[in-house]
Amino acid sequence: MLELTLPTMTCGHCVSVVTKAIKQTDPQAVVEIDLARHSVRVETTEDRETIEAAIVEAGYVPG
């Protein structure tokens, strides 16, 4: 399970964009987002760097 903090994720649209980016990388990924804490938990077979790259490409930088 990967855990990331995305300080600039502030709304439902952000959640949608981040989820879509992760799912495009790994369609079977399980994505859990806590918007209040700006945290993302991802259960995936992909490595951390691949998931982070997808999130960065979507416009969000893990902090």
N, C-alpha and C. Protein backbone atom coordinates (compact mmCIF):
# COMPACT_ATOMS: atom_id res chain seq x y z
N MET A 1 0.85 -1.18 0.00
CA MET A 1 0.00 0.00 0.00
C MET A 1 0.89 1.23 0.00
N LEU A 2 0.68 2.10 -0.97
CA LEU A 2 1.40 3.37 -1.05
C LEU A 2 0.59 4.44 -0.35
N GLU A 3 1.27 5.32 0.37
CA GLU A 3 0.61 6.45 1.00
C GLU A 3 1.32 7.72 0.55
N LEU A 4 0.54 8.67 0.04
CA LEU A 4 1.09 9.92 -0.47
C LEU A 4 0.30 11.08 0.11
N THR A 5 0.97 12.22 0.25
CA THR A 5 0.30 13.46 0.65
C THR A 5 0.33 14.41 -0.53
N LEU A 6 -0.83 14.95 -0.87
CA LEU A 6 -0.94 15.90 -1.98
C LEU A 6 -1.51 17.21 -1.43
N PRO A 7 -0.63 18.12 -0.99
CA PRO A 7 -1.10 19.37 -0.36
C PRO A 7 -2.02 20.22 -1.23
N THR A 8 -1.88 20.14 -2.55
CA THR A 8 -2.70 21.00 -3.42
C THR A 8 -4.02 20.34 -3.83
N MET A 9 -4.30 19.15 -3.33
CA MET A 9 -5.57 18.47 -3.62
C MET A 9 -6.60 19.03 -2.64
N THR A 10 -7.52 19.87 -3.15
CA THR A 10 -8.40 20.60 -2.24
C THR A 10 -9.90 20.44 -2.51
N CYS A 11 -10.28 19.73 -3.59
CA CYS A 11 -11.71 19.67 -3.90
C CYS A 11 -12.06 18.34 -4.58
N GLY A 12 -13.32 18.16 -4.83
CA GLY A 12 -13.79 16.94 -5.47
C GLY A 12 -13.23 16.75 -6.87
N HIS A 13 -13.04 17.85 -7.59
CA HIS A 13 -12.45 17.76 -8.93
C HIS A 13 -11.03 17.20 -8.83
N CYS A 14 -10.27 17.69 -7.85
CA CYS A 14 -8.91 17.19 -7.64
C CYS A 14 -8.92 15.68 -7.39
N VAL A 15 -9.83 15.24 -6.55
CA VAL A 15 -9.96 13.82 -6.24
C VAL A 15 -10.21 13.03 -7.52
N SER A 16 -11.09 13.52 -8.35
CA SER A 16 -11.42 12.86 -9.61
C SER A 16 -10.20 12.76 -10.53
N VAL A 17 -9.47 13.85 -10.65
CA VAL A 17 -8.30 13.89 -11.53
C VAL A 17 -7.22 12.93 -11.04
N VAL A 18 -6.95 12.94 -9.74
CA VAL A 18 -5.93 12.07 -9.17
C VAL A 18 -6.34 10.60 -9.33
N THR A 19 -7.58 10.30 -9.03
CA THR A 19 -8.07 8.91 -9.16
C THR A 19 -7.95 8.44 -10.61
N LYS A 20 -8.36 9.28 -11.55
CA LYS A 20 -8.29 8.92 -12.97
C LYS A 20 -6.85 8.67 -13.40
N ALA A 21 -5.93 9.51 -12.95
CA ALA A 21 -4.51 9.35 -13.32
C ALA A 21 -3.97 8.02 -12.81
N ILE A 22 -4.32 7.67 -11.59
CA ILE A 22 -3.85 6.41 -11.01
C ILE A 22 -4.48 5.23 -11.76
N LYS A 23 -5.77 5.31 -12.02
CA LYS A 23 -6.48 4.21 -12.70
C LYS A 23 -6.01 4.02 -14.14
N GLN A 24 -5.56 5.09 -14.79
CA GLN A 24 -5.02 4.94 -16.14
C GLN A 24 -3.70 4.19 -16.11
N THR A 25 -2.96 4.34 -15.03
CA THR A 25 -1.69 3.64 -14.87
C THR A 25 -1.92 2.19 -14.47
N ASP A 26 -2.86 1.97 -13.55
CA ASP A 26 -3.20 0.62 -13.08
C ASP A 26 -4.71 0.53 -12.89
N PRO A 27 -5.42 0.00 -13.89
CA PRO A 27 -6.88 -0.07 -13.80
C PRO A 27 -7.40 -0.87 -12.60
N GLN A 28 -6.60 -1.77 -12.06
CA GLN A 28 -7.03 -2.57 -10.91
C GLN A 28 -6.66 -1.94 -9.57
N ALA A 29 -6.04 -0.79 -9.59
CA ALA A 29 -5.63 -0.12 -8.35
C ALA A 29 -6.84 0.19 -7.48
N VAL A 30 -6.64 0.07 -6.18
CA VAL A 30 -7.65 0.49 -5.22
C VAL A 30 -7.18 1.83 -4.66
N VAL A 31 -7.97 2.87 -4.86
CA VAL A 31 -7.59 4.22 -4.48
C VAL A 31 -8.49 4.70 -3.35
N GLU A 32 -7.87 5.12 -2.24
CA GLU A 32 -8.60 5.69 -1.11
C GLU A 32 -8.07 7.09 -0.88
N ILE A 33 -8.97 8.07 -0.90
CA ILE A 33 -8.55 9.46 -0.74
C ILE A 33 -9.25 10.09 0.46
N ASP A 34 -8.46 10.73 1.30
CA ASP A 34 -8.98 11.50 2.43
C ASP A 34 -8.71 12.96 2.10
N LEU A 35 -9.70 13.63 1.56
CA LEU A 35 -9.54 15.01 1.11
C LEU A 35 -9.16 15.95 2.25
N ALA A 36 -9.75 15.77 3.41
CA ALA A 36 -9.46 16.64 4.55
C ALA A 36 -8.00 16.58 4.96
N ARG A 37 -7.39 15.42 4.80
CA ARG A 37 -5.97 15.25 5.17
C ARG A 37 -5.04 15.35 3.97
N HIS A 38 -5.62 15.55 2.79
CA HIS A 38 -4.85 15.62 1.54
C HIS A 38 -4.03 14.35 1.32
N SER A 39 -4.59 13.21 1.71
CA SER A 39 -3.83 11.96 1.60
C SER A 39 -4.46 11.01 0.60
N VAL A 40 -3.59 10.23 -0.02
CA VAL A 40 -4.00 9.23 -0.99
C VAL A 40 -3.34 7.91 -0.60
N ARG A 41 -4.15 6.87 -0.54
CA ARG A 41 -3.62 5.52 -0.32
C ARG A 41 -3.96 4.71 -1.56
N VAL A 42 -2.96 4.00 -2.06
CA VAL A 42 -3.13 3.24 -3.29
C VAL A 42 -2.63 1.83 -3.10
N GLU A 43 -3.51 0.88 -3.37
CA GLU A 43 -3.11 -0.53 -3.41
C GLU A 43 -2.93 -0.87 -4.88
N THR A 44 -1.68 -1.18 -5.27
CA THR A 44 -1.35 -1.36 -6.67
C THR A 44 -0.18 -2.32 -6.83
N THR A 45 -0.05 -2.84 -8.03
CA THR A 45 1.11 -3.67 -8.35
C THR A 45 2.22 -2.82 -8.96
N GLU A 46 1.92 -1.56 -9.28
CA GLU A 46 2.92 -0.65 -9.84
C GLU A 46 3.83 -0.14 -8.72
N ASP A 47 5.04 0.29 -9.10
CA ASP A 47 5.94 0.83 -8.09
C ASP A 47 5.59 2.29 -7.78
N ARG A 48 6.12 2.76 -6.67
CA ARG A 48 5.82 4.11 -6.18
C ARG A 48 6.17 5.17 -7.22
N GLU A 49 7.31 5.04 -7.88
CA GLU A 49 7.75 6.03 -8.85
C GLU A 49 6.76 6.16 -10.01
N THR A 50 6.20 5.05 -10.46
CA THR A 50 5.24 5.06 -11.56
C THR A 50 3.96 5.78 -11.16
N ILE A 51 3.47 5.48 -9.97
CA ILE A 51 2.25 6.13 -9.48
C ILE A 51 2.49 7.62 -9.25
N GLU A 52 3.62 7.96 -8.65
CA GLU A 52 3.93 9.38 -8.43
C GLU A 52 4.05 10.12 -9.75
N ALA A 53 4.67 9.50 -10.75
CA ALA A 53 4.82 10.14 -12.06
C ALA A 53 3.46 10.42 -12.69
N ALA A 54 2.52 9.50 -12.54
CA ALA A 54 1.17 9.69 -13.09
C ALA A 54 0.47 10.86 -12.39
N ILE A 55 0.65 10.95 -11.08
CA ILE A 55 0.03 12.03 -10.31
C ILE A 55 0.65 13.38 -10.68
N VAL A 56 1.97 13.41 -10.83
CA VAL A 56 2.66 14.65 -11.21
C VAL A 56 2.21 15.08 -12.61
N GLU A 57 2.09 14.12 -13.51
CA GLU A 57 1.64 14.45 -14.86
C GLU A 57 0.23 15.03 -14.85
N ALA A 58 -0.58 14.63 -13.88
CA ALA A 58 -1.94 15.15 -13.74
C ALA A 58 -1.96 16.54 -13.08
N GLY A 59 -0.78 17.00 -12.61
CA GLY A 59 -0.70 18.35 -12.06
C GLY A 59 -0.60 18.46 -10.55
N TYR A 60 -0.34 17.37 -9.88
CA TYR A 60 -0.26 17.37 -8.41
C TYR A 60 1.09 16.81 -7.98
N VAL A 61 1.75 17.54 -7.09
CA VAL A 61 3.08 17.13 -6.64
C VAL A 61 2.99 16.59 -5.22
N PRO A 62 3.36 15.33 -5.03
CA PRO A 62 3.36 14.79 -3.67
C PRO A 62 4.31 15.60 -2.77
N GLY A 63 3.85 15.84 -1.56
CA GLY A 63 4.67 16.64 -0.64
C GLY A 63 5.02 15.91 0.60
